[in-house]
C-alpha atoms as a PDB file:
ATOM      1  CA  MET A   1      88.760 -33.967  41.919  1.00  0.00           C
ATOM      2  CA  THR A   2      90.751 -33.591  38.711  1.00  0.00           C
ATOM      3  CA  THR A   3      90.180 -36.166  35.981  1.00  0.00           C
ATOM      4  CA  GLY A   4      92.846 -37.902  33.918  1.00  0.00           C
ATOM      5  CA  ALA A   5      91.713 -36.028  30.813  1.00  0.00           C
ATOM      6  CA  GLU A   6      92.118 -32.680  32.599  1.00  0.00           C
ATOM      7  CA  ILE A   7      95.631 -33.635  33.704  1.00  0.00           C
ATOM      8  CA  GLU A   8      96.592 -34.673  30.160  1.00  0.00           C
ATOM      9  CA  GLU A   9      95.218 -31.433  28.692  1.00  0.00           C
ATOM     10  CA  ALA A  10      96.999 -29.214  31.242  1.00  0.00           C
ATOM     11  CA  ALA A  11     100.316 -31.051  30.919  1.00  0.00           C
ATOM     12  CA  SER A  12     100.492 -31.098  27.139  1.00  0.00           C
ATOM     13  CA  ASP A  13     103.814 -32.844  26.435  1.00  0.00           C
ATOM     14  CA  LEU A  14     105.364 -32.226  29.870  1.00  0.00           C
ATOM     15  CA  PRO A  15     105.833 -35.150  32.249  1.00  0.00           C
ATOM     16  CA  VAL A  16     103.644 -34.797  35.355  1.00  0.00           C
ATOM     17  CA  ILE A  17     103.898 -36.374  38.800  1.00  0.00           C
ATOM     18  CA  VAL A  18     100.732 -36.816  40.840  1.00  0.00           C
ATOM     19  CA  VAL A  19     101.064 -37.702  44.520  1.00  0.00           C
ATOM     20  CA  GLY A  20      98.146 -39.312  46.292  1.00  0.00           C
ATOM     21  CA  ILE A  21      96.968 -42.002  48.641  1.00  0.00           C
ATOM     22  CA  GLU A  22      95.599 -44.423  46.050  1.00  0.00           C
ATOM     23  CA  ASN A  23      96.980 -45.666  42.761  1.00  0.00           C
ATOM     24  CA  VAL A  24      95.182 -44.393  39.676  1.00  0.00           C
ATOM     25  CA  SER A  25      94.997 -45.953  36.231  1.00  0.00           C
ATOM     26  CA  ALA A  26      97.899 -45.166  33.906  1.00  0.00           C
ATOM     27  CA  ILE A  27      97.928 -42.072  31.705  1.00  0.00           C
ATOM     28  CA  ASP A  28     100.750 -41.441  29.209  1.00  0.00           C
ATOM     29  CA  GLY A  29     103.305 -39.007  30.629  1.00  0.00           C
ATOM     30  CA  VAL A  30     101.640 -38.887  34.068  1.00  0.00           C
ATOM     31  CA  PHE A  31     103.387 -40.678  36.916  1.00  0.00           C
ATOM     32  CA  PHE A  32     101.493 -41.564  40.075  1.00  0.00           C
ATOM     33  CA  VAL A  33     103.241 -41.966  43.414  1.00  0.00           C
ATOM     34  CA  ALA A  34     100.984 -43.404  46.093  1.00  0.00           C
ATOM     35  CA  ARG A  35     101.600 -44.340  49.695  1.00  0.00           C
ATOM     36  CA  GLY A  36      98.790 -45.249  52.031  1.00  0.00           C
ATOM     37  CA  GLN A  37     100.777 -45.913  55.182  1.00  0.00           C
ATOM     38  CA  GLN A  38     102.784 -43.872  57.651  1.00  0.00           C
ATOM     39  CA  PRO A  39     106.518 -43.687  56.867  1.00  0.00           C
ATOM     40  CA  ASP A  40     108.795 -46.175  58.625  1.00  0.00           C
ATOM     41  CA  ALA A  41     111.169 -45.114  61.421  1.00  0.00           C
ATOM     42  CA  ALA A  42     114.241 -44.922  59.158  1.00  0.00           C
ATOM     43  CA  PHE A  43     112.509 -42.522  56.748  1.00  0.00           C
ATOM     44  CA  ARG A  44     111.125 -40.467  59.648  1.00  0.00           C
ATOM     45  CA  ASP A  45     114.602 -40.068  61.150  1.00  0.00           C
ATOM     46  CA  ARG A  46     116.163 -39.037  57.803  1.00  0.00           C
ATOM     47  CA  TYR A  47     113.307 -36.637  57.102  1.00  0.00           C
ATOM     48  CA  LEU A  48     113.504 -34.898  60.485  1.00  0.00           C
ATOM     49  CA  THR A  49     117.320 -34.822  60.480  1.00  0.00           C
ATOM     50  CA  GLU A  50     117.346 -32.869  57.199  1.00  0.00           C
ATOM     51  CA  ASN A  51     115.264 -30.052  58.681  1.00  0.00           C
ATOM     52  CA  ALA A  52     115.008 -29.424  62.398  1.00  0.00           C
ATOM     53  CA  PHE A  53     111.776 -27.453  61.859  1.00  0.00           C
ATOM     54  CA  ALA A  54     110.016 -29.991  59.640  1.00  0.00           C
ATOM     55  CA  PRO A  55     106.632 -31.194  60.882  1.00  0.00           C
ATOM     56  CA  GLU A  56     106.162 -34.845  61.772  1.00  0.00           C
ATOM     57  CA  PRO A  57     105.908 -36.708  58.430  1.00  0.00           C
ATOM     58  CA  GLY A  58     102.482 -38.092  57.571  1.00  0.00           C
ATOM     59  CA  ALA A  59     101.193 -40.646  55.084  1.00  0.00           C
ATOM     60  CA  LEU A  60     102.063 -38.547  52.019  1.00  0.00           C
ATOM     61  CA  ALA A  61     105.540 -37.457  53.176  1.00  0.00           C
ATOM     62  CA  ARG A  62     107.455 -40.353  51.648  1.00  0.00           C
ATOM     63  CA  ALA A  63     105.524 -40.186  48.384  1.00  0.00           C
ATOM     64  CA  VAL A  64     106.230 -36.447  48.033  1.00  0.00           C
ATOM     65  CA  TYR A  65     109.892 -36.996  48.936  1.00  0.00           C
ATOM     66  CA  GLU A  66     110.252 -39.783  46.323  1.00  0.00           C
ATOM     67  CA  ALA A  67     108.389 -37.778  43.672  1.00  0.00           C
ATOM     68  CA  ALA A  68     110.580 -34.711  44.249  1.00  0.00           C
ATOM     69  CA  ALA A  69     113.765 -36.783  44.040  1.00  0.00           C
ATOM     70  CA  ALA A  70     112.595 -38.395  40.796  1.00  0.00           C
ATOM     71  CA  ALA A  71     111.581 -35.022  39.310  1.00  0.00           C
ATOM     72  CA  ILE A  72     114.953 -33.465  40.129  1.00  0.00           C
ATOM     73  CA  ALA A  73     116.864 -36.416  38.726  1.00  0.00           C
ATOM     74  CA  GLY A  74     114.642 -36.492  35.652  1.00  0.00           C
ATOM     75  CA  ALA A  75     115.104 -32.768  35.065  1.00  0.00           C
ATOM     76  CA  ARG A  76     118.871 -33.228  35.067  1.00  0.00           C
ATOM     77  CA  THR A  77     118.559 -35.100  31.778  1.00  0.00           C
ATOM     78  CA  GLY A  78     117.961 -31.759  30.048  1.00  0.00           C
ATOM     79  CA  SER A  79     114.955 -32.824  28.008  1.00  0.00           C
ATOM     80  CA  ARG A  80     111.288 -33.579  28.486  1.00  0.00           C
ATOM     81  CA  ALA A  81     111.739 -37.031  26.960  1.00  0.00           C
ATOM     82  CA  GLY A  82     114.702 -37.755  29.229  1.00  0.00           C
ATOM     83  CA  ALA A  83     112.766 -36.664  32.299  1.00  0.00           C
ATOM     84  CA  ALA A  84     109.785 -38.785  31.275  1.00  0.00           C
ATOM     85  CA  ASN A  85     112.049 -41.808  30.693  1.00  0.00           C
ATOM     86  CA  TYR A  86     113.685 -41.417  34.096  1.00  0.00           C
ATOM     87  CA  LEU A  87     110.332 -41.012  35.815  1.00  0.00           C
ATOM     88  CA  SER A  88     108.827 -44.030  34.066  1.00  0.00           C
ATOM     89  CA  GLU A  89     111.758 -46.179  35.225  1.00  0.00           C
ATOM     90  CA  HIS A  90     111.631 -44.981  38.842  1.00  0.00           C
ATOM     91  CA  LEU A  91     107.988 -44.217  39.620  1.00  0.00           C
ATOM     92  CA  GLU A  92     105.974 -46.920  37.878  1.00  0.00           C
END
């Protein structure tokens, strides 16, 4: 298992998103997305509609989906600080 210090060292000044089952204590510039339950029916339907060959979504599917959406939106700001600001508003 990777420690918070290892994540901080590897990321340097880049924002990082970590997806997992349990929430972890806060680390500057690292955003944790955690879901411990199966996705609801509405999410499942949207997820499977977007890709006919997608596997059945499991407990991490919604967290990964939300993290990817936040990362893409954050990246559109054009700066590391902008991405980090967006992520901190939407993932914490």
